Protein backbone atom coordinates (compact mmCIF):
# COMPACT_ATOMS: atom_id res chain seq x y z
CA UNK A 1 143.23 -184.66 -79.06
CA UNK A 2 141.69 -187.75 -79.81
CA UNK A 3 139.43 -187.45 -77.91
CA UNK A 4 137.80 -184.88 -76.49
CA UNK A 5 138.30 -185.85 -72.74
CA UNK A 6 140.73 -184.07 -70.63
CA UNK A 7 141.60 -181.79 -71.92
CA UNK A 8 140.08 -183.81 -74.16
CA UNK A 9 140.58 -185.11 -75.40
CA UNK A 10 136.44 -186.87 -74.52
CA UNK A 11 135.44 -187.45 -76.36
CA UNK A 12 131.73 -186.61 -78.50
CA UNK A 13 129.18 -185.48 -81.24
CA UNK A 14 126.85 -182.43 -81.32
CA UNK A 15 123.33 -181.52 -82.33
CA UNK A 16 120.67 -180.03 -80.48
CA UNK A 17 117.16 -180.99 -80.20
CA UNK A 18 116.22 -178.60 -77.30
CA UNK A 19 113.64 -175.68 -77.69
CA UNK A 20 114.77 -172.59 -75.87
CA UNK A 21 112.96 -171.46 -74.97
CA UNK A 22 101.35 -140.46 -63.53
CA UNK A 23 98.10 -139.70 -62.32
CA UNK A 24 95.64 -137.14 -63.51
CA UNK A 25 95.59 -134.12 -61.16
CA UNK A 26 91.80 -133.39 -61.58
CA UNK A 27 90.24 -133.32 -58.08
CA UNK A 28 87.14 -135.25 -59.15
CA UNK A 29 89.20 -138.24 -60.33
CA UNK A 30 89.03 -141.34 -58.18
CA UNK A 31 92.10 -142.31 -56.19
CA UNK A 32 94.47 -144.71 -57.90
CA UNK A 33 94.80 -148.21 -56.53
CA UNK A 34 98.05 -148.89 -54.64
CA UNK A 35 100.75 -150.43 -56.87
CA UNK A 36 101.12 -154.18 -56.67
CA UNK A 37 104.41 -155.98 -56.32
CA UNK A 38 105.62 -156.59 -59.88
CA UNK A 39 107.18 -159.94 -59.04
CA UNK A 40 103.94 -161.19 -57.53
CA UNK A 41 101.89 -159.87 -60.44
CA UNK A 42 104.06 -161.43 -63.18
CA UNK A 43 103.05 -164.99 -64.06
CA UNK A 44 105.72 -167.63 -63.48
CA UNK A 45 107.64 -168.54 -66.60
CA UNK A 46 106.89 -172.07 -67.79
CA UNK A 47 109.80 -174.49 -67.41
CA UNK A 48 111.88 -175.10 -70.51
CA UNK A 49 110.72 -178.20 -72.33
CA UNK A 50 112.81 -181.28 -71.64
CA UNK A 51 114.76 -182.69 -74.53
CA UNK A 52 113.54 -186.13 -75.64
CA UNK A 53 117.24 -187.08 -75.79
CA UNK A 54 117.50 -186.74 -72.00
CA UNK A 55 115.84 -189.55 -70.08
CA UNK A 56 116.30 -190.78 -66.50
CA UNK A 57 119.01 -188.16 -65.96
CA UNK A 58 120.98 -189.58 -68.89
CA UNK A 59 121.81 -187.93 -72.23
CA UNK A 60 121.65 -189.76 -75.56
CA UNK A 61 123.52 -188.50 -78.64
CA UNK A 62 123.88 -189.87 -82.16
CA UNK A 63 126.47 -189.52 -84.92
CA UNK A 64 126.55 -190.78 -88.50
CA UNK A 65 129.45 -189.89 -90.76
CA UNK A 66 130.04 -190.90 -94.38
CA UNK A 67 132.10 -189.71 -97.33
CA UNK A 68 132.96 -190.14 -101.00
CA UNK A 69 136.63 -189.81 -101.99
CA UNK A 70 138.65 -189.42 -105.20
CA UNK A 71 142.37 -190.25 -105.24
CA UNK A 72 144.27 -188.89 -108.25
CA UNK A 73 146.76 -191.79 -108.03
CA UNK A 74 143.92 -194.32 -108.50
CA UNK A 75 145.59 -196.82 -106.11
CA UNK A 76 145.11 -200.43 -107.19
CA UNK A 77 144.17 -201.51 -103.64
CA UNK A 78 141.46 -198.84 -103.33
CA UNK A 79 143.01 -197.35 -100.18
CA UNK A 80 144.50 -193.92 -99.49
CA UNK A 81 148.02 -193.83 -98.10
CA UNK A 82 148.66 -192.30 -94.63
CA UNK A 83 145.12 -190.94 -94.27
CA UNK A 84 143.17 -191.82 -91.20
CA UNK A 85 139.52 -192.98 -91.06
CA UNK A 86 138.87 -191.80 -94.64
CA UNK A 87 140.82 -194.82 -95.91
CA UNK A 88 138.79 -195.67 -99.00
CA UNK A 89 139.78 -194.23 -102.37
CA UNK A 90 137.49 -193.62 -105.37
CA UNK A 91 134.34 -194.77 -103.61
CA UNK A 92 131.65 -193.86 -101.09
CA UNK A 93 131.96 -195.31 -97.62
CA UNK A 94 130.70 -195.11 -94.02
CA UNK A 95 133.16 -193.60 -91.58
CA UNK A 96 131.27 -194.20 -88.32
CA UNK A 97 127.81 -194.57 -86.85
CA UNK A 98 127.50 -194.47 -83.08
CA UNK A 99 125.38 -193.70 -80.05
CA UNK A 100 126.73 -191.92 -76.99
CA UNK A 101 125.16 -192.49 -73.57
CA UNK A 102 126.32 -190.08 -70.89
CA UNK A 103 125.31 -189.50 -67.28
CA UNK A 104 127.08 -186.64 -65.51
CA UNK A 105 128.80 -187.61 -62.23
CA UNK A 106 126.61 -186.41 -59.37
CA UNK A 107 128.58 -187.88 -57.73
CA UNK A 108 128.68 -191.10 -59.82
CA UNK A 109 128.20 -191.18 -63.59
CA UNK A 110 129.23 -193.05 -66.72
CA UNK A 111 130.00 -192.55 -70.41
CA UNK A 112 129.66 -195.02 -73.30
CA UNK A 113 130.37 -194.59 -77.04
CA UNK A 114 129.33 -197.67 -79.00
CA UNK A 115 128.86 -198.14 -82.74
CA UNK A 116 130.23 -199.45 -86.01
CA UNK A 117 132.33 -198.38 -88.98
CA UNK A 118 135.92 -198.18 -90.15
CA UNK A 119 136.80 -195.61 -87.52
CA UNK A 120 136.20 -198.09 -84.71
CA UNK A 121 137.94 -200.83 -86.72
CA UNK A 122 140.98 -198.56 -87.08
CA UNK A 123 141.40 -197.60 -83.44
CA UNK A 124 141.29 -201.28 -82.44
CA UNK A 125 143.28 -202.61 -85.41
CA UNK A 126 146.47 -203.36 -83.46
CA UNK A 127 145.02 -204.53 -80.13
CA UNK A 128 144.61 -208.11 -78.95
CA UNK A 129 141.44 -207.59 -76.96
CA UNK A 130 138.20 -209.61 -77.21
CA UNK A 131 136.12 -208.72 -80.28
CA UNK A 132 133.37 -207.17 -78.15
CA UNK A 133 135.65 -204.23 -77.30
CA UNK A 134 136.00 -203.35 -80.98
CA UNK A 135 132.54 -201.77 -80.96
CA UNK A 136 133.44 -199.36 -78.15
CA UNK A 137 135.20 -196.03 -78.53
CA UNK A 138 134.86 -195.28 -74.82
CA UNK A 139 133.30 -197.00 -71.81
CA UNK A 140 134.07 -195.65 -68.35
CA UNK A 141 132.53 -194.67 -65.03
CA UNK A 142 133.33 -191.34 -63.39
CA UNK A 143 133.26 -190.13 -59.81
CA UNK A 144 133.06 -186.46 -58.77
CA UNK A 145 131.70 -185.77 -55.25
CA UNK A 146 131.14 -182.11 -54.34
CA UNK A 147 133.43 -182.46 -51.33
CA UNK A 148 136.38 -183.21 -53.66
CA UNK A 149 136.56 -179.58 -54.86
CA UNK A 150 136.49 -180.39 -58.59
CA UNK A 151 138.56 -183.58 -58.51
CA UNK A 152 137.18 -186.17 -60.96
CA UNK A 153 138.28 -189.79 -61.32
CA UNK A 154 137.42 -191.97 -64.34
CA UNK A 155 137.90 -195.73 -64.66
CA UNK A 156 137.61 -197.74 -67.88
CA UNK A 157 138.37 -197.13 -71.57
CA UNK A 158 138.78 -193.49 -72.60
CA UNK A 159 140.32 -191.59 -75.52
CA UNK A 160 143.81 -190.19 -75.18
CA UNK A 161 144.46 -186.68 -73.91
CA UNK A 162 147.14 -186.10 -76.55
CA UNK A 163 146.59 -184.28 -79.83
CA UNK A 164 144.80 -181.28 -81.29
CA UNK A 165 142.06 -183.34 -82.99
CA UNK A 166 139.51 -185.93 -81.85
CA UNK A 167 137.82 -188.99 -83.30
CA UNK A 168 134.50 -187.25 -84.04
CA UNK A 169 134.71 -185.49 -87.41
CA UNK A 170 132.26 -182.70 -86.59
CA UNK A 171 134.37 -181.56 -83.63
CA UNK A 172 137.44 -181.01 -85.83
CA UNK A 173 138.09 -178.23 -88.34
CA UNK A 174 139.02 -180.50 -91.27
CA UNK A 175 137.38 -183.73 -92.39
CA UNK A 176 140.55 -185.81 -92.67
CA UNK A 177 142.82 -186.21 -89.64
CA UNK A 178 146.33 -184.87 -89.42
CA UNK A 179 149.46 -186.96 -89.80
CA UNK A 180 150.16 -186.34 -86.12
CA UNK A 181 146.76 -187.68 -85.09
CA UNK A 182 147.18 -190.75 -87.29
CA UNK A 183 150.85 -191.60 -86.71
CA UNK A 184 152.31 -189.78 -83.68
CA UNK A 185 149.92 -190.42 -80.78
CA UNK A 186 147.65 -193.18 -79.39
CA UNK A 187 143.89 -193.38 -79.84
CA UNK A 188 142.78 -194.61 -76.43
CA UNK A 189 143.81 -196.08 -73.09
CA UNK A 190 142.32 -198.38 -70.45
CA UNK A 191 142.84 -197.68 -66.76
CA UNK A 192 142.43 -194.76 -64.36
CA UNK A 193 142.63 -191.02 -64.88
CA UNK A 194 142.13 -188.08 -62.55
CA UNK A 195 141.87 -184.35 -63.20
CA UNK A 196 141.49 -181.35 -60.92
CA UNK A 197 141.38 -177.56 -61.40
CA UNK A 198 144.19 -175.69 -59.67
CA UNK A 199 143.34 -172.02 -59.46
CA UNK A 200 141.27 -170.16 -62.02
CA UNK A 201 143.28 -170.99 -65.14
CA UNK A 202 145.05 -174.36 -64.75
CA UNK A 203 143.82 -177.97 -64.75
CA UNK A 204 146.16 -180.85 -63.90
CA UNK A 205 145.70 -184.56 -64.53
CA UNK A 206 147.39 -187.91 -64.06
CA UNK A 207 146.68 -191.29 -65.67
CA UNK A 208 147.68 -194.88 -64.91
CA UNK A 209 146.81 -197.08 -67.89
CA UNK A 210 147.62 -200.42 -69.53
CA UNK A 211 149.34 -198.75 -72.49
CA UNK A 212 148.55 -197.51 -76.00
CA UNK A 213 145.42 -198.77 -77.77
CA UNK A 214 144.76 -201.88 -75.71
CA UNK A 215 142.29 -202.85 -72.99
CA UNK A 216 144.11 -205.92 -71.70
CA UNK A 217 147.72 -205.36 -70.58
CA UNK A 218 150.56 -206.37 -72.92
CA UNK A 219 153.04 -206.85 -70.09
CA UNK A 220 153.46 -206.45 -66.33
CA UNK A 221 154.14 -202.72 -66.49
CA UNK A 222 151.94 -199.63 -66.64
CA UNK A 223 151.99 -196.42 -68.65
CA UNK A 224 151.82 -193.12 -66.75
CA UNK A 225 150.30 -190.00 -68.28
CA UNK A 226 150.75 -186.44 -66.96
CA UNK A 227 148.47 -183.71 -68.33
CA UNK A 228 148.21 -179.97 -67.86
CA UNK A 229 145.99 -177.31 -69.47
CA UNK A 230 146.33 -173.56 -69.01
CA UNK A 231 143.48 -171.34 -70.25
CA UNK A 232 143.70 -167.56 -70.17
CA UNK A 233 141.46 -165.19 -72.11
CA UNK A 234 141.65 -166.35 -75.75
CA UNK A 235 144.54 -168.82 -75.40
CA UNK A 236 144.60 -172.45 -74.28
CA UNK A 237 147.89 -174.32 -73.88
CA UNK A 238 147.79 -178.07 -73.21
CA UNK A 239 150.70 -180.43 -72.56
CA UNK A 240 150.68 -184.23 -72.31
CA UNK A 241 153.45 -186.67 -71.43
CA UNK A 242 153.13 -190.47 -71.56
CA UNK A 243 155.82 -192.95 -70.53
CA UNK A 244 155.70 -196.73 -70.13
CA UNK A 245 156.66 -200.13 -71.57
CA UNK A 246 154.66 -200.85 -74.74
CA UNK A 247 156.17 -204.15 -75.96
CA UNK A 248 154.40 -207.50 -75.48
CA UNK A 249 155.64 -209.74 -72.65
CA UNK A 250 158.48 -207.45 -71.54
CA UNK A 251 158.91 -204.23 -69.59
CA UNK A 252 162.32 -203.54 -71.16
CA UNK A 253 162.41 -200.45 -73.35
CA UNK A 254 160.19 -197.50 -72.49
CA UNK A 255 158.12 -195.45 -74.91
CA UNK A 256 158.01 -191.69 -74.31
CA UNK A 257 155.65 -189.19 -75.93
CA UNK A 258 155.44 -185.44 -75.42
CA UNK A 259 152.52 -183.59 -77.01
CA UNK A 260 151.77 -179.87 -76.87
CA UNK A 261 148.96 -177.76 -78.36
CA UNK A 262 148.51 -173.98 -78.31
CA UNK A 263 145.11 -172.82 -79.54
CA UNK A 264 144.14 -169.17 -79.99
CA UNK A 265 140.55 -168.05 -80.49
CA UNK A 266 141.52 -164.67 -81.88
CA UNK A 267 137.95 -163.53 -82.64
CA UNK A 268 134.48 -165.05 -82.73
CA UNK A 269 135.20 -166.04 -86.34
CA UNK A 270 138.92 -166.80 -86.50
CA UNK A 271 140.89 -169.43 -84.58
CA UNK A 272 144.20 -171.22 -85.07
CA UNK A 273 146.43 -173.78 -83.34
CA UNK A 274 149.95 -175.17 -83.33
CA UNK A 275 150.47 -178.83 -82.39
CA UNK A 276 153.84 -180.48 -81.80
CA UNK A 277 154.76 -184.09 -80.99
CA UNK A 278 157.96 -185.93 -80.12
CA UNK A 279 158.08 -189.69 -79.51
CA UNK A 280 160.86 -192.14 -78.68
CA UNK A 281 160.56 -195.92 -78.30
CA UNK A 282 163.60 -197.60 -76.74
CA UNK A 283 164.54 -200.90 -78.34
CA UNK A 284 165.01 -204.03 -76.25
CA UNK A 285 168.58 -204.00 -77.57
CA UNK A 286 170.69 -200.97 -78.51
CA UNK A 287 169.13 -197.92 -80.10
CA UNK A 288 165.66 -196.42 -80.27
CA UNK A 289 163.01 -195.33 -82.77
CA UNK A 290 162.19 -191.64 -82.92
CA UNK A 291 159.34 -189.72 -84.56
CA UNK A 292 158.40 -186.04 -84.44
CA UNK A 293 156.17 -183.53 -86.16
CA UNK A 294 154.43 -180.18 -86.12
CA UNK A 295 151.04 -179.07 -87.47
CA UNK A 296 149.55 -175.59 -87.93
CA UNK A 297 145.84 -175.12 -88.63
CA UNK A 298 143.40 -172.23 -88.90
CA UNK A 299 139.62 -171.82 -89.25
CA UNK A 300 137.50 -168.84 -90.30
CA UNK A 301 133.70 -168.80 -89.93
CA UNK A 302 131.67 -167.05 -92.63
CA UNK A 303 128.36 -166.30 -91.03
CA UNK A 304 126.61 -169.08 -89.12
CA UNK A 305 126.54 -171.71 -91.86
CA UNK A 306 129.87 -171.51 -93.68
CA UNK A 307 133.50 -171.94 -92.65
CA UNK A 308 136.86 -172.52 -94.27
CA UNK A 309 139.80 -174.31 -92.63
CA UNK A 310 143.34 -175.18 -93.63
CA UNK A 311 146.12 -177.33 -92.16
CA UNK A 312 149.82 -177.63 -92.94
CA UNK A 313 152.14 -180.12 -91.27
CA UNK A 314 155.44 -181.94 -91.30
CA UNK A 315 156.06 -185.43 -89.89
CA UNK A 316 159.46 -187.07 -89.51
CA UNK A 317 159.25 -190.87 -89.19
CA UNK A 318 163.01 -191.23 -89.42
CA UNK A 319 163.11 -194.89 -88.37
CA UNK A 320 159.85 -195.99 -89.98
CA UNK A 321 158.37 -196.76 -86.56
CA UNK A 322 154.89 -195.38 -87.29
CA UNK A 323 154.32 -195.63 -91.04
CA UNK A 324 156.52 -198.66 -91.74
CA UNK A 325 158.87 -196.64 -93.98
CA UNK A 326 161.68 -194.30 -92.94
CA UNK A 327 160.45 -191.05 -94.47
CA UNK A 328 159.70 -187.36 -94.06
CA UNK A 329 156.11 -186.46 -94.94
CA UNK A 330 154.28 -183.17 -95.42
CA UNK A 331 150.61 -182.51 -96.08
CA UNK A 332 148.33 -179.58 -96.86
CA UNK A 333 144.56 -179.65 -96.45
CA UNK A 334 141.91 -177.11 -97.42
CA UNK A 335 138.34 -177.68 -96.20
CA UNK A 336 135.07 -175.87 -96.91
CA UNK A 337 132.17 -176.42 -94.50
CA UNK A 338 128.44 -175.86 -94.92
CA UNK A 339 125.94 -176.40 -92.09
CA UNK A 340 122.65 -177.30 -93.73
CA UNK A 341 120.77 -177.03 -90.44
CA UNK A 342 121.30 -177.62 -86.74
CA UNK A 343 122.05 -181.33 -87.09
CA UNK A 344 123.58 -181.83 -90.55
CA UNK A 345 126.79 -180.54 -92.11
CA UNK A 346 128.82 -181.23 -95.22
CA UNK A 347 132.52 -180.71 -95.92
CA UNK A 348 134.35 -180.50 -99.22
CA UNK A 349 138.08 -181.07 -98.89
CA UNK A 350 141.24 -181.06 -100.98
CA UNK A 351 144.36 -182.68 -99.54
CA UNK A 352 147.86 -183.24 -100.87
CA UNK A 353 150.53 -185.40 -99.20
CA UNK A 354 154.24 -185.45 -100.09
CA UNK A 355 156.97 -187.91 -99.05
CA UNK A 356 160.70 -188.07 -99.74
CA UNK A 357 160.12 -191.73 -100.63
CA UNK A 358 157.88 -193.27 -103.35
CA UNK A 359 155.48 -194.35 -100.60
CA UNK A 360 152.07 -193.71 -102.17
CA UNK A 361 150.40 -196.40 -104.22
CA UNK A 362 149.41 -195.91 -107.87
CA UNK A 363 147.32 -197.94 -110.32
CA UNK A 364 150.48 -199.67 -111.58
CA UNK A 365 151.56 -202.64 -109.41
CA UNK A 366 155.01 -202.12 -107.97
CA UNK A 367 155.15 -198.44 -108.91
CA UNK A 368 155.06 -195.82 -106.19
CA UNK A 369 154.60 -192.06 -106.11
CA UNK A 370 156.04 -189.41 -103.83
CA UNK A 371 152.77 -187.46 -103.88
CA UNK A 372 149.09 -188.17 -103.31
CA UNK A 373 146.24 -185.75 -104.02
CA UNK A 374 142.68 -186.46 -102.89
CA UNK A 375 139.30 -184.72 -103.02
CA UNK A 376 136.62 -185.70 -100.51
CA UNK A 377 132.99 -184.85 -99.86
CA UNK A 378 131.76 -185.72 -96.38
CA UNK A 379 128.30 -185.68 -94.79
CA UNK A 380 127.96 -185.67 -91.01
CA UNK A 381 124.71 -185.96 -89.03
CA UNK A 382 124.86 -185.38 -85.29
CA UNK A 383 122.14 -185.15 -82.68
CA UNK A 384 122.68 -184.21 -79.03
CA UNK A 385 120.48 -182.69 -76.31
CA UNK A 386 122.96 -179.99 -75.35
CA UNK A 387 122.10 -177.28 -77.91
């Protein structure tokens, strides 16, 4: 999910700066003193030290993410095809730098992600909002009174609930994002969302938003999102459905998206997920554009510092709605992870993309390739008070 908000998908970055924190039977012996109450005798434990990243009841977190990338096609433009956030080829570049400010709703709170970098440029690339919004990943207030029995309502800009991955690199298994994250689902919404636990294992949600990836409305209609997450033992199954008019200045032609993710935490070291998406955008006239895909990913932890992850997926953009070219695309990614310490990690990644069309750019103008292989080294620093 793009965010790590419900179930997500909200979306944010981790590092911790918190410090945990019989008697002798001889007749001549004097009588023993009566035992004292052990609780009264034990000195009170000192309170755990407060994290300097928590002030005035508000948490502050930081994320900085950069990478260097090699593309074996040596594209003349210097950009990787179809890859998301790690756009730049054959160079070093900054992915994102941001600060997160979060106050838990008790009963009223707020959440803000603000920063810079190509990630934020990308998620706002297609919107028509004022430039000030382009620095924000999320900005919303949330309400959760105790008398509401777990019901929470958020208002503002928040990341989508769809997807198996999120915007923050360190919260994903691979460095690069999947084709489904990049081309099948939205990044964020603006409006209202509500979520509430129903029983011990299920959480339901509903959203009323202005549409996909825009703060200001494109038309007079609204997009409705329905969300459900079922968690039982080692399995979590989430489903998201969005429907609404997404074309400027008209409510004719609805866009539908269904997204499902099953994640299994088989052991403390091994986890895997399956993510599927189906989208359909009805034309103003006859016909519709359809896209669909499936991704399978797995991660295995090797001790506390190392991990290896892989991802394999297929994406069918049969009408060219998402990528601009009618094509079928597959990709395979293999990622090695090393945590240098509690706030810094690196990832070394190999990725190969295939298309049934000569979609990928080469170093020869006008010549395309059906494959694209890249190698990437990423460095992610993250600081948060919650560990």
